[in-house]
Amino acid sequence: MVVYVPDGGPGVPQLDRAEDLGALSVRAAAGSPRWELLSRALEAAGAGEVAGDHVWLDVSWLRSAAGDRDQDWHDGFTRMLAHAARQGWVSADGGRVRAHVSWGR
């Protein structure tokens, strides 16, 4: 899964490759890091928040942004979150999952 943020922040975050449950990242389309713009875009969409050099993505936003998916997808998403939790990449309340950010067009 990739959360794509057009223009590195001013654009509305979109979920790409929702079927790829083997990886999770944020791609901000900007030539150089623009953390403040990225933070505002994610928060305005309810998608998550910037924390240092990574992002905490909202799990319910990810599910919603994935659109209509079958039970196999939901089961796979739950397994992905369980793996992330074992790595310490899920918030204590289970509502957010950590993702790295890549910058570039």
PDB file of N, CA and C in Angstrom:
ATOM      1  N   MET A   1       0.847  -1.171   0.000  1.00  0.00           N
ATOM      2  CA  MET A   1       0.000   0.000   0.000  1.00  0.00           C
ATOM      3  C   MET A   1       0.895   1.238   0.000  1.00  0.00           C
ATOM      4  N   VAL A   2       0.471   2.209  -0.746  1.00  0.00           N
ATOM      5  CA  VAL A   2       1.188   3.481  -0.784  1.00  0.00           C
ATOM      6  C   VAL A   2       0.164   4.599  -0.629  1.00  0.00           C
ATOM      7  N   VAL A   3       0.396   5.457   0.339  1.00  0.00           N
ATOM      8  CA  VAL A   3      -0.405   6.669   0.451  1.00  0.00           C
ATOM      9  C   VAL A   3       0.352   7.723  -0.337  1.00  0.00           C
ATOM     10  N   TYR A   4      -0.240   8.159  -1.424  1.00  0.00           N
ATOM     11  CA  TYR A   4       0.379   9.138  -2.314  1.00  0.00           C
ATOM     12  C   TYR A   4      -0.167  10.517  -1.990  1.00  0.00           C
ATOM     13  N   VAL A   5       0.742  11.463  -1.790  1.00  0.00           N
ATOM     14  CA  VAL A   5       0.341  12.830  -1.497  1.00  0.00           C
ATOM     15  C   VAL A   5       0.863  13.726  -2.618  1.00  0.00           C
ATOM     16  N   PRO A   6      -0.032  14.166  -3.514  1.00  0.00           N
ATOM     17  CA  PRO A   6       0.388  15.016  -4.627  1.00  0.00           C
ATOM     18  C   PRO A   6       1.022  16.312  -4.131  1.00  0.00           C
ATOM     19  N   ASP A   7       1.991  16.786  -4.848  1.00  0.00           N
ATOM     20  CA  ASP A   7       2.652  18.056  -4.546  1.00  0.00           C
ATOM     21  C   ASP A   7       3.303  18.071  -3.173  1.00  0.00           C
ATOM     22  N   GLY A   8       3.516  16.924  -2.586  1.00  0.00           N
ATOM     23  CA  GLY A   8       4.198  16.849  -1.303  1.00  0.00           C
ATOM     24  C   GLY A   8       3.423  17.407  -0.134  1.00  0.00           C
ATOM     25  N   GLY A   9       2.173  17.769  -0.336  1.00  0.00           N
ATOM     26  CA  GLY A   9       1.411  18.289   0.794  1.00  0.00           C
ATOM     27  C   GLY A   9       0.148  19.024   0.443  1.00  0.00           C
ATOM     28  N   PRO A  10       0.158  19.947  -0.502  1.00  0.00           N
ATOM     29  CA  PRO A  10      -1.095  20.662  -0.761  1.00  0.00           C
ATOM     30  C   PRO A  10      -2.198  19.766  -1.315  1.00  0.00           C
ATOM     31  N   GLY A  11      -1.819  18.683  -1.989  1.00  0.00           N
ATOM     32  CA  GLY A  11      -2.811  17.798  -2.581  1.00  0.00           C
ATOM     33  C   GLY A  11      -3.473  16.894  -1.558  1.00  0.00           C
ATOM     34  N   VAL A  12      -4.568  16.275  -1.957  1.00  0.00           N
ATOM     35  CA  VAL A  12      -5.318  15.372  -1.090  1.00  0.00           C
ATOM     36  C   VAL A  12      -4.679  13.980  -1.143  1.00  0.00           C
ATOM     37  N   PRO A  13      -4.386  13.378   0.002  1.00  0.00           N
ATOM     38  CA  PRO A  13      -3.801  12.033   0.023  1.00  0.00           C
ATOM     39  C   PRO A  13      -4.716  11.011  -0.647  1.00  0.00           C
ATOM     40  N   GLN A  14      -4.087  10.089  -1.374  1.00  0.00           N
ATOM     41  CA  GLN A  14      -4.809   9.027  -2.078  1.00  0.00           C
ATOM     42  C   GLN A  14      -4.132   7.703  -1.759  1.00  0.00           C
ATOM     43  N   LEU A  15      -4.904   6.652  -1.703  1.00  0.00           N
ATOM     44  CA  LEU A  15      -4.340   5.333  -1.472  1.00  0.00           C
ATOM     45  C   LEU A  15      -4.129   4.641  -2.810  1.00  0.00           C
ATOM     46  N   ASP A  16      -2.883   4.269  -3.084  1.00  0.00           N
ATOM     47  CA  ASP A  16      -2.526   3.521  -4.287  1.00  0.00           C
ATOM     48  C   ASP A  16      -2.096   2.121  -3.888  1.00  0.00           C
ATOM     49  N   ARG A  17      -2.264   1.176  -4.788  1.00  0.00           N
ATOM     50  CA  ARG A  17      -1.836  -0.212  -4.595  1.00  0.00           C
ATOM     51  C   ARG A  17      -2.377  -0.810  -3.298  1.00  0.00           C
ATOM     52  N   ALA A  18      -3.646  -0.595  -3.055  1.00  0.00           N
ATOM     53  CA  ALA A  18      -4.284  -1.115  -1.832  1.00  0.00           C
ATOM     54  C   ALA A  18      -4.193  -2.631  -1.752  1.00  0.00           C
ATOM     55  N   GLU A  19      -4.054  -3.279  -2.896  1.00  0.00           N
ATOM     56  CA  GLU A  19      -3.980  -4.745  -2.896  1.00  0.00           C
ATOM     57  C   GLU A  19      -2.620  -5.259  -2.425  1.00  0.00           C
ATOM     58  N   ASP A  20      -1.604  -4.393  -2.385  1.00  0.00           N
ATOM     59  CA  ASP A  20      -0.261  -4.793  -1.946  1.00  0.00           C
ATOM     60  C   ASP A  20      -0.164  -4.647  -0.437  1.00  0.00           C
ATOM     61  N   LEU A  21      -0.461  -5.717   0.272  1.00  0.00           N
ATOM     62  CA  LEU A  21      -0.464  -5.685   1.730  1.00  0.00           C
ATOM     63  C   LEU A  21       0.882  -6.109   2.320  1.00  0.00           C
ATOM     64  N   GLY A  22       1.880  -6.223   1.476  1.00  0.00           N
ATOM     65  CA  GLY A  22       3.206  -6.601   1.945  1.00  0.00           C
ATOM     66  C   GLY A  22       4.073  -5.425   2.331  1.00  0.00           C
ATOM     67  N   ALA A  23       3.612  -4.224   2.067  1.00  0.00           N
ATOM     68  CA  ALA A  23       4.394  -3.025   2.377  1.00  0.00           C
ATOM     69  C   ALA A  23       3.449  -1.853   2.584  1.00  0.00           C
ATOM     70  N   LEU A  24       3.900  -0.893   3.356  1.00  0.00           N
ATOM     71  CA  LEU A  24       3.109   0.307   3.606  1.00  0.00           C
ATOM     72  C   LEU A  24       4.056   1.490   3.663  1.00  0.00           C
ATOM     73  N   SER A  25       3.765   2.509   2.868  1.00  0.00           N
ATOM     74  CA  SER A  25       4.605   3.704   2.869  1.00  0.00           C
ATOM     75  C   SER A  25       3.787   4.913   2.435  1.00  0.00           C
ATOM     76  N   VAL A  26       4.399   6.067   2.604  1.00  0.00           N
ATOM     77  CA  VAL A  26       3.829   7.324   2.132  1.00  0.00           C
ATOM     78  C   VAL A  26       4.797   7.871   1.088  1.00  0.00           C
ATOM     79  N   ARG A  27       4.268   8.251  -0.071  1.00  0.00           N
ATOM     80  CA  ARG A  27       5.097   8.878  -1.093  1.00  0.00           C
ATOM     81  C   ARG A  27       4.589  10.293  -1.288  1.00  0.00           C
ATOM     82  N   ALA A  28       5.448  11.237  -0.948  1.00  0.00           N
ATOM     83  CA  ALA A  28       5.108  12.650  -1.089  1.00  0.00           C
ATOM     84  C   ALA A  28       5.789  13.170  -2.344  1.00  0.00           C
ATOM     85  N   ALA A  29       4.998  13.624  -3.287  1.00  0.00           N
ATOM     86  CA  ALA A  29       5.527  14.077  -4.566  1.00  0.00           C
ATOM     87  C   ALA A  29       6.066  15.494  -4.438  1.00  0.00           C
ATOM     88  N   ALA A  30       7.311  15.560  -4.014  1.00  0.00           N
ATOM     89  CA  ALA A  30       7.995  16.846  -3.886  1.00  0.00           C
ATOM     90  C   ALA A  30       9.481  16.590  -4.054  1.00  0.00           C
ATOM     91  N   GLY A  31      10.169  17.536  -4.645  1.00  0.00           N
ATOM     92  CA  GLY A  31      11.587  17.376  -4.874  1.00  0.00           C
ATOM     93  C   GLY A  31      12.412  17.355  -3.610  1.00  0.00           C
ATOM     94  N   SER A  32      11.927  18.005  -2.580  1.00  0.00           N
ATOM     95  CA  SER A  32      12.630  18.016  -1.298  1.00  0.00           C
ATOM     96  C   SER A  32      11.594  17.915  -0.184  1.00  0.00           C
ATOM     97  N   PRO A  33      12.002  17.445   0.980  1.00  0.00           N
ATOM     98  CA  PRO A  33      11.040  17.287   2.082  1.00  0.00           C
ATOM     99  C   PRO A  33      10.327  18.590   2.439  1.00  0.00           C
ATOM    100  N   ARG A  34       9.010  18.471   2.556  1.00  0.00           N
ATOM    101  CA  ARG A  34       8.149  19.588   2.965  1.00  0.00           C
ATOM    102  C   ARG A  34       7.235  19.054   4.061  1.00  0.00           C
ATOM    103  N   TRP A  35       7.830  18.762   5.205  1.00  0.00           N
ATOM    104  CA  TRP A  35       7.139  18.078   6.296  1.00  0.00           C
ATOM    105  C   TRP A  35       5.890  18.815   6.766  1.00  0.00           C
ATOM    106  N   GLU A  36       5.954  20.125   6.866  1.00  0.00           N
ATOM    107  CA  GLU A  36       4.802  20.877   7.361  1.00  0.00           C
ATOM    108  C   GLU A  36       3.611  20.756   6.411  1.00  0.00           C
ATOM    109  N   LEU A  37       3.865  20.852   5.108  1.00  0.00           N
ATOM    110  CA  LEU A  37       2.781  20.698   4.134  1.00  0.00           C
ATOM    111  C   LEU A  37       2.222  19.278   4.157  1.00  0.00           C
ATOM    112  N   LEU A  38       3.103  18.306   4.256  1.00  0.00           N
ATOM    113  CA  LEU A  38       2.658  16.913   4.334  1.00  0.00           C
ATOM    114  C   LEU A  38       1.786  16.704   5.564  1.00  0.00           C
ATOM    115  N   SER A  39       2.214  17.232   6.679  1.00  0.00           N
ATOM    116  CA  SER A  39       1.458  17.096   7.924  1.00  0.00           C
ATOM    117  C   SER A  39       0.061  17.697   7.789  1.00  0.00           C
ATOM    118  N   ARG A  40      -0.007  18.890   7.236  1.00  0.00           N
ATOM    119  CA  ARG A  40      -1.319  19.538   7.077  1.00  0.00           C
ATOM    120  C   ARG A  40      -2.233  18.745   6.156  1.00  0.00           C
ATOM    121  N   ALA A  41      -1.688  18.228   5.058  1.00  0.00           N
ATOM    122  CA  ALA A  41      -2.505  17.459   4.107  1.00  0.00           C
ATOM    123  C   ALA A  41      -3.045  16.186   4.751  1.00  0.00           C
ATOM    124  N   LEU A  42      -2.191  15.464   5.473  1.00  0.00           N
ATOM    125  CA  LEU A  42      -2.631  14.228   6.121  1.00  0.00           C
ATOM    126  C   LEU A  42      -3.672  14.504   7.191  1.00  0.00           C
ATOM    127  N   GLU A  43      -3.425  15.508   8.018  1.00  0.00           N
ATOM    128  CA  GLU A  43      -4.365  15.824   9.094  1.00  0.00           C
ATOM    129  C   GLU A  43      -5.697  16.316   8.549  1.00  0.00           C
ATOM    130  N   ALA A  44      -5.671  17.149   7.502  1.00  0.00           N
ATOM    131  CA  ALA A  44      -6.918  17.670   6.921  1.00  0.00           C
ATOM    132  C   ALA A  44      -7.775  16.548   6.353  1.00  0.00           C
ATOM    133  N   ALA A  45      -7.140  15.512   5.822  1.00  0.00           N
ATOM    134  CA  ALA A  45      -7.875  14.381   5.241  1.00  0.00           C
ATOM    135  C   ALA A  45      -8.273  13.347   6.278  1.00  0.00           C
ATOM    136  N   GLY A  46      -7.752  13.486   7.501  1.00  0.00           N
ATOM    137  CA  GLY A  46      -7.998  12.476   8.525  1.00  0.00           C
ATOM    138  C   GLY A  46      -7.182  11.216   8.290  1.00  0.00           C
ATOM    139  N   ALA A  47      -6.116  11.350   7.485  1.00  0.00           N
ATOM    140  CA  ALA A  47      -5.306  10.192   7.101  1.00  0.00           C
ATOM    141  C   ALA A  47      -4.208   9.866   8.095  1.00  0.00           C
ATOM    142  N   GLY A  48      -3.766  10.845   8.864  1.00  0.00           N
ATOM    143  CA  GLY A  48      -2.693  10.576   9.811  1.00  0.00           C
ATOM    144  C   GLY A  48      -1.960  11.834  10.196  1.00  0.00           C
ATOM    145  N   GLU A  49      -0.751  11.622  10.759  1.00  0.00           N
ATOM    146  CA  GLU A  49       0.040  12.763  11.192  1.00  0.00           C
ATOM    147  C   GLU A  49       1.526  12.440  11.086  1.00  0.00           C
ATOM    148  N   VAL A  50       2.299  13.477  10.866  1.00  0.00           N
ATOM    149  CA  VAL A  50       3.749  13.350  10.815  1.00  0.00           C
ATOM    150  C   VAL A  50       4.283  13.303  12.238  1.00  0.00           C
ATOM    151  N   ALA A  51       5.265  12.417  12.453  1.00  0.00           N
ATOM    152  CA  ALA A  51       5.942  12.323  13.753  1.00  0.00           C
ATOM    153  C   ALA A  51       7.420  12.077  13.460  1.00  0.00           C
ATOM    154  N   GLY A  52       8.214  13.119  13.573  1.00  0.00           N
ATOM    155  CA  GLY A  52       9.627  12.993  13.244  1.00  0.00           C
ATOM    156  C   GLY A  52       9.798  12.807  11.753  1.00  0.00           C
ATOM    157  N   ASP A  53      10.487  11.738  11.363  1.00  0.00           N
ATOM    158  CA  ASP A  53      10.706  11.487   9.940  1.00  0.00           C
ATOM    159  C   ASP A  53       9.867  10.326   9.416  1.00  0.00           C
ATOM    160  N   HIS A  54       8.746  10.076  10.074  1.00  0.00           N
ATOM    161  CA  HIS A  54       7.802   9.063   9.600  1.00  0.00           C
ATOM    162  C   HIS A  54       6.382   9.585   9.807  1.00  0.00           C
ATOM    163  N   VAL A  55       5.422   8.760   9.461  1.00  0.00           N
ATOM    164  CA  VAL A  55       4.009   9.143   9.553  1.00  0.00           C
ATOM    165  C   VAL A  55       3.248   8.059  10.304  1.00  0.00           C
ATOM    166  N   TRP A  56       2.315   8.464  11.135  1.00  0.00           N
ATOM    167  CA  TRP A  56       1.352   7.544  11.749  1.00  0.00           C
ATOM    168  C   TRP A  56       0.070   7.662  10.938  1.00  0.00           C
ATOM    169  N   LEU A  57      -0.278   6.601  10.214  1.00  0.00           N
ATOM    170  CA  LEU A  57      -1.486   6.590   9.386  1.00  0.00           C
ATOM    171  C   LEU A  57      -2.668   6.042  10.166  1.00  0.00           C
ATOM    172  N   ASP A  58      -3.822   6.637   9.934  1.00  0.00           N
ATOM    173  CA  ASP A  58      -5.047   6.225  10.598  1.00  0.00           C
ATOM    174  C   ASP A  58      -5.565   4.940   9.951  1.00  0.00           C
ATOM    175  N   VAL A  59      -5.719   3.893  10.737  1.00  0.00           N
ATOM    176  CA  VAL A  59      -6.143   2.592  10.232  1.00  0.00           C
ATOM    177  C   VAL A  59      -7.534   2.676   9.599  1.00  0.00           C
ATOM    178  N   SER A  60      -8.455   3.391  10.214  1.00  0.00           N
ATOM    179  CA  SER A  60      -9.803   3.479   9.640  1.00  0.00           C
ATOM    180  C   SER A  60      -9.785   4.247   8.321  1.00  0.00           C
ATOM    181  N   TRP A  61      -8.900   5.241   8.189  1.00  0.00           N
ATOM    182  CA  TRP A  61      -8.777   5.960   6.921  1.00  0.00           C
ATOM    183  C   TRP A  61      -8.264   5.012   5.835  1.00  0.00           C
ATOM    184  N   LEU A  62      -7.268   4.203   6.178  1.00  0.00           N
ATOM    185  CA  LEU A  62      -6.735   3.249   5.199  1.00  0.00           C
ATOM    186  C   LEU A  62      -7.825   2.298   4.717  1.00  0.00           C
ATOM    187  N   ARG A  63      -8.607   1.758   5.648  1.00  0.00           N
ATOM    188  CA  ARG A  63      -9.702   0.855   5.262  1.00  0.00           C
ATOM    189  C   ARG A  63     -10.705   1.564   4.352  1.00  0.00           C
ATOM    190  N   SER A  64     -11.072   2.773   4.726  1.00  0.00           N
ATOM    191  CA  SER A  64     -12.036   3.534   3.940  1.00  0.00           C
ATOM    192  C   SER A  64     -11.479   3.882   2.559  1.00  0.00           C
ATOM    193  N   ALA A  65     -10.222   4.326   2.522  1.00  0.00           N
ATOM    194  CA  ALA A  65      -9.606   4.726   1.260  1.00  0.00           C
ATOM    195  C   ALA A  65      -9.415   3.541   0.316  1.00  0.00           C
ATOM    196  N   ALA A  66      -9.342   2.330   0.865  1.00  0.00           N
ATOM    197  CA  ALA A  66      -9.176   1.128   0.039  1.00  0.00           C
ATOM    198  C   ALA A  66     -10.435   0.812  -0.751  1.00  0.00           C
ATOM    199  N   GLY A  67     -11.551   1.405  -0.383  1.00  0.00           N
ATOM    200  CA  GLY A  67     -12.791   1.170  -1.109  1.00  0.00           C
ATOM    201  C   GLY A  67     -13.406  -0.175  -0.777  1.00  0.00           C
ATOM    202  N   ASP A  68     -14.276  -0.620  -1.654  1.00  0.00           N
ATOM    203  CA  ASP A  68     -15.002  -1.872  -1.445  1.00  0.00           C
ATOM    204  C   ASP A  68     -14.070  -3.043  -1.702  1.00  0.00           C
ATOM    205  N   ARG A  69     -13.767  -3.781  -0.668  1.00  0.00           N
ATOM    206  CA  ARG A  69     -12.847  -4.924  -0.767  1.00  0.00           C
ATOM    207  C   ARG A  69     -13.517  -6.172  -0.212  1.00  0.00           C
ATOM    208  N   ASP A  70     -13.064  -7.322  -0.699  1.00  0.00           N
ATOM    209  CA  ASP A  70     -13.645  -8.575  -0.228  1.00  0.00           C
ATOM    210  C   ASP A  70     -13.045  -8.981   1.119  1.00  0.00           C
ATOM    211  N   GLN A  71     -13.585 -10.046   1.678  1.00  0.00           N
ATOM    212  CA  GLN A  71     -13.148 -10.503   3.003  1.00  0.00           C
ATOM    213  C   GLN A  71     -11.682 -10.918   3.009  1.00  0.00           C
ATOM    214  N   ASP A  72     -11.206 -11.494   1.898  1.00  0.00           N
ATOM    215  CA  ASP A  72      -9.788 -11.873   1.825  1.00  0.00           C
ATOM    216  C   ASP A  72      -8.888 -10.651   2.017  1.00  0.00           C
ATOM    217  N   TRP A  73      -9.260  -9.536   1.408  1.00  0.00           N
ATOM    218  CA  TRP A  73      -8.462  -8.319   1.571  1.00  0.00           C
ATOM    219  C   TRP A  73      -8.474  -7.884   3.040  1.00  0.00           C
ATOM    220  N   HIS A  74      -9.643  -7.858   3.653  1.00  0.00           N
ATOM    221  CA  HIS A  74      -9.747  -7.432   5.053  1.00  0.00           C
ATOM    222  C   HIS A  74      -8.944  -8.351   5.972  1.00  0.00           C
ATOM    223  N   ASP A  75      -8.965  -9.651   5.690  1.00  0.00           N
ATOM    224  CA  ASP A  75      -8.168 -10.588   6.474  1.00  0.00           C
ATOM    225  C   ASP A  75      -6.675 -10.304   6.292  1.00  0.00           C
ATOM    226  N   GLY A  76      -6.267 -10.037   5.058  1.00  0.00           N
ATOM    227  CA  GLY A  76      -4.867  -9.718   4.785  1.00  0.00           C
ATOM    228  C   GLY A  76      -4.442  -8.421   5.445  1.00  0.00           C
ATOM    229  N   PHE A  77      -5.332  -7.444   5.444  1.00  0.00           N
ATOM    230  CA  PHE A  77      -5.040  -6.156   6.085  1.00  0.00           C
ATOM    231  C   PHE A  77      -4.854  -6.362   7.593  1.00  0.00           C
ATOM    232  N   THR A  78      -5.695  -7.187   8.184  1.00  0.00           N
ATOM    233  CA  THR A  78      -5.568  -7.490   9.612  1.00  0.00           C
ATOM    234  C   THR A  78      -4.242  -8.187   9.898  1.00  0.00           C
ATOM    235  N   ARG A  79      -3.836  -9.096   9.022  1.00  0.00           N
ATOM    236  CA  ARG A  79      -2.538  -9.762   9.189  1.00  0.00           C
ATOM    237  C   ARG A  79      -1.387  -8.763   9.059  1.00  0.00           C
ATOM    238  N   MET A  80      -1.514  -7.830   8.125  1.00  0.00           N
ATOM    239  CA  MET A  80      -0.486  -6.803   7.958  1.00  0.00           C
ATOM    240  C   MET A  80      -0.352  -5.978   9.240  1.00  0.00           C
ATOM    241  N   LEU A  81      -1.476  -5.601   9.821  1.00  0.00           N
ATOM    242  CA  LEU A  81      -1.452  -4.825  11.058  1.00  0.00           C
ATOM    243  C   LEU A  81      -0.857  -5.639  12.206  1.00  0.00           C
ATOM    244  N   ALA A  82      -1.159  -6.930  12.258  1.00  0.00           N
ATOM    245  CA  ALA A  82      -0.601  -7.781  13.312  1.00  0.00           C
ATOM    246  C   ALA A  82       0.918  -7.858  13.182  1.00  0.00           C
ATOM    247  N   HIS A  83       1.404  -7.977  11.958  1.00  0.00           N
ATOM    248  CA  HIS A  83       2.849  -7.984  11.737  1.00  0.00           C
ATOM    249  C   HIS A  83       3.458  -6.652  12.187  1.00  0.00           C
ATOM    250  N   ALA A  84       2.820  -5.550  11.791  1.00  0.00           N
ATOM    251  CA  ALA A  84       3.307  -4.225  12.184  1.00  0.00           C
ATOM    252  C   ALA A  84       3.309  -4.068  13.702  1.00  0.00           C
ATOM    253  N   ALA A  85       2.300  -4.596  14.360  1.00  0.00           N
ATOM    254  CA  ALA A  85       2.220  -4.515  15.826  1.00  0.00           C
ATOM    255  C   ALA A  85       3.388  -5.253  16.467  1.00  0.00           C
ATOM    256  N   ARG A  86       3.745  -6.415  15.915  1.00  0.00           N
ATOM    257  CA  ARG A  86       4.883  -7.167  16.460  1.00  0.00           C
ATOM    258  C   ARG A  86       6.192  -6.396  16.330  1.00  0.00           C
ATOM    259  N   GLN A  87       6.257  -5.505  15.352  1.00  0.00           N
ATOM    260  CA  GLN A  87       7.453  -4.694  15.135  1.00  0.00           C
ATOM    261  C   GLN A  87       7.426  -3.399  15.939  1.00  0.00           C
ATOM    262  N   GLY A  88       6.299  -3.130  16.610  1.00  0.00           N
ATOM    263  CA  GLY A  88       6.159  -1.886  17.360  1.00  0.00           C
ATOM    264  C   GLY A  88       5.705  -0.719  16.512  1.00  0.00           C
ATOM    265  N   TRP A  89       5.102  -1.021  15.366  1.00  0.00           N
ATOM    266  CA  TRP A  89       4.689   0.015  14.424  1.00  0.00           C
ATOM    267  C   TRP A  89       3.203   0.331  14.472  1.00  0.00           C
ATOM    268  N   VAL A  90       2.516  -0.101  15.504  1.00  0.00           N
ATOM    269  CA  VAL A  90       1.094   0.205  15.683  1.00  0.00           C
ATOM    270  C   VAL A  90       0.953   0.935  17.009  1.00  0.00           C
ATOM    271  N   SER A  91       0.120   1.966  17.018  1.00  0.00           N
ATOM    272  CA  SER A  91      -0.086   2.747  18.240  1.00  0.00           C
ATOM    273  C   SER A  91      -0.687   1.873  19.334  1.00  0.00           C
ATOM    274  N   ALA A  92      -0.538   2.299  20.568  1.00  0.00           N
ATOM    275  CA  ALA A  92      -1.031   1.531  21.719  1.00  0.00           C
ATOM    276  C   ALA A  92      -2.519   1.233  21.615  1.00  0.00           C
ATOM    277  N   ASP A  93      -3.291   2.152  21.038  1.00  0.00           N
ATOM    278  CA  ASP A  93      -4.735   1.940  20.927  1.00  0.00           C
ATOM    279  C   ASP A  93      -5.123   1.180  19.653  1.00  0.00           C
ATOM    280  N   GLY A  94      -4.142   0.861  18.800  1.00  0.00           N
ATOM    281  CA  GLY A  94      -4.411   0.121  17.570  1.00  0.00           C
ATOM    282  C   GLY A  94      -5.001   0.950  16.457  1.00  0.00           C
ATOM    283  N   GLY A  95      -5.130   2.236  16.660  1.00  0.00           N
ATOM    284  CA  GLY A  95      -5.783   3.095  15.670  1.00  0.00           C
ATOM    285  C   GLY A  95      -4.875   3.657  14.597  1.00  0.00           C
ATOM    286  N   ARG A  96      -3.554   3.540  14.802  1.00  0.00           N
ATOM    287  CA  ARG A  96      -2.613   4.093  13.832  1.00  0.00           C
ATOM    288  C   ARG A  96      -1.474   3.124  13.584  1.00  0.00           C
ATOM    289  N   VAL A  97      -0.947   3.194  12.366  1.00  0.00           N
ATOM    290  CA  VAL A  97       0.174   2.355  11.977  1.00  0.00           C
ATOM    291  C   VAL A  97       1.265   3.252  11.384  1.00  0.00           C
ATOM    292  N   ARG A  98       2.482   2.924  11.725  1.00  0.00           N
ATOM    293  CA  ARG A  98       3.635   3.743  11.314  1.00  0.00           C
ATOM    294  C   ARG A  98       4.059   3.399   9.892  1.00  0.00           C
ATOM    295  N   ALA A  99       4.424   4.426   9.134  1.00  0.00           N
ATOM    296  CA  ALA A  99       4.907   4.236   7.772  1.00  0.00           C
ATOM    297  C   ALA A  99       6.056   5.194   7.498  1.00  0.00           C
ATOM    298  N   HIS A 100       6.990   4.733   6.667  1.00  0.00           N
ATOM    299  CA  HIS A 100       8.084   5.622   6.279  1.00  0.00           C
ATOM    300  C   HIS A 100       7.629   6.505   5.126  1.00  0.00           C
ATOM    301  N   VAL A 101       8.357   7.590   4.920  1.00  0.00           N
ATOM    302  CA  VAL A 101       8.020   8.565   3.883  1.00  0.00           C
ATOM    303  C   VAL A 101       9.136   8.604   2.859  1.00  0.00           C
ATOM    304  N   SER A 102       8.773   8.572   1.594  1.00  0.00           N
ATOM    305  CA  SER A 102       9.743   8.814   0.530  1.00  0.00           C
ATOM    306  C   SER A 102       9.322  10.076  -0.203  1.00  0.00           C
ATOM    307  N   TRP A 103      10.294  10.834  -0.619  1.00  0.00           N
ATOM    308  CA  TRP A 103      10.064  12.110  -1.305  1.00  0.00           C
ATOM    309  C   TRP A 103      10.507  11.978  -2.749  1.00  0.00           C
ATOM    310  N   GLY A 104       9.715  12.457  -3.648  1.00  0.00           N
ATOM    311  CA  GLY A 104      10.058  12.444  -5.062  1.00  0.00           C
ATOM    312  C   GLY A 104       8.826  12.369  -5.916  1.00  0.00           C
ATOM    313  N   ARG A 105       9.000  12.655  -7.128  1.00  0.00           N
ATOM    314  CA  ARG A 105       7.873  12.666  -8.067  1.00  0.00           C
ATOM    315  C   ARG A 105       7.698  11.314  -8.610  1.00  0.00           C
TER     316      ARG A 105
END
